[in-house]
């Protein structure tokens, strides 16, 4: 049996139990609980505002 087979068998065994039982089983195997770091959100930057005197805009609230 390869390590990949062992991991696959463990994943299949853990898939059929509740999350709390899964966490307890993994802690029993030596896993430590840790808080996940927030993932950075990717944003598309907006272009810088242009100051063109030829552009005029008007807004009318209705």
Protein backbone atom coordinates (compact mmCIF):
# COMPACT_ATOMS: atom_id res chain seq x y z
CA UNK A 1 0.00 0.00 0.00
CA UNK A 2 1.29 3.47 -0.89
CA UNK A 3 0.92 6.58 1.22
CA UNK A 4 -1.60 7.85 -1.34
CA UNK A 5 -3.74 4.75 -0.75
CA UNK A 6 -3.60 5.25 3.00
CA UNK A 7 -4.63 8.90 2.67
CA UNK A 8 -7.47 7.95 0.33
CA UNK A 9 -8.76 5.31 2.77
CA UNK A 10 -8.56 7.79 5.67
CA UNK A 11 -10.40 10.45 3.66
CA UNK A 12 -13.16 7.97 2.78
CA UNK A 13 -13.50 6.92 6.43
CA UNK A 14 -13.71 10.54 7.61
CA UNK A 15 -16.23 11.48 4.91
CA UNK A 16 -19.00 9.44 6.53
CA UNK A 17 -18.90 11.07 10.00
CA UNK A 18 -19.95 14.44 11.35
CA UNK A 19 -17.61 17.42 11.35
CA UNK A 20 -17.27 17.33 15.15
CA UNK A 21 -16.36 13.61 15.09
CA UNK A 22 -13.96 14.25 12.22
CA UNK A 23 -12.21 17.01 14.19
CA UNK A 24 -11.98 14.78 17.26
CA UNK A 25 -10.50 11.91 15.20
CA UNK A 26 -7.91 14.19 13.62
CA UNK A 27 -6.97 15.65 17.02
CA UNK A 28 -6.52 12.08 18.26
CA UNK A 29 -4.03 11.57 15.44
CA UNK A 30 -2.06 14.64 16.53
CA UNK A 31 -3.59 17.33 14.32
CA UNK A 32 -3.71 20.75 15.95
CA UNK A 33 -6.59 23.13 15.50
CA UNK A 34 -5.66 26.50 14.10
CA UNK A 35 -7.49 29.49 12.80
CA UNK A 36 -7.23 30.08 9.09
CA UNK A 37 -5.74 33.36 7.99
CA UNK A 38 -8.12 35.52 5.95
CA UNK A 39 -7.52 35.28 2.25
CA UNK A 40 -6.69 38.54 0.54
CA UNK A 41 -9.45 39.71 -1.76
CA UNK A 42 -8.37 40.46 -5.27
CA UNK A 43 -9.75 43.67 -6.68
CA UNK A 44 -9.44 45.23 -10.07
CA UNK A 45 -8.06 48.73 -9.51
CA UNK A 46 -10.13 51.61 -10.78
CA UNK A 47 -8.47 54.04 -13.17
CA UNK A 48 -7.40 57.37 -11.73
CA UNK A 49 -9.96 60.17 -12.19
CA UNK A 50 -9.22 62.43 -15.13
CA UNK A 51 -9.61 66.17 -15.01
CA UNK A 52 -10.52 66.97 -18.60
CA UNK A 53 -12.18 70.40 -19.01
CA UNK A 54 -13.98 69.09 -22.09
CA UNK A 55 -15.98 66.61 -20.05
CA UNK A 56 -19.12 67.99 -18.48
CA UNK A 57 -21.64 65.90 -16.60
CA UNK A 58 -24.95 66.84 -15.11
CA UNK A 59 -27.21 64.81 -12.90
CA UNK A 60 -30.87 65.48 -12.42
CA UNK A 61 -32.66 63.74 -9.58
CA UNK A 62 -36.22 62.87 -10.51
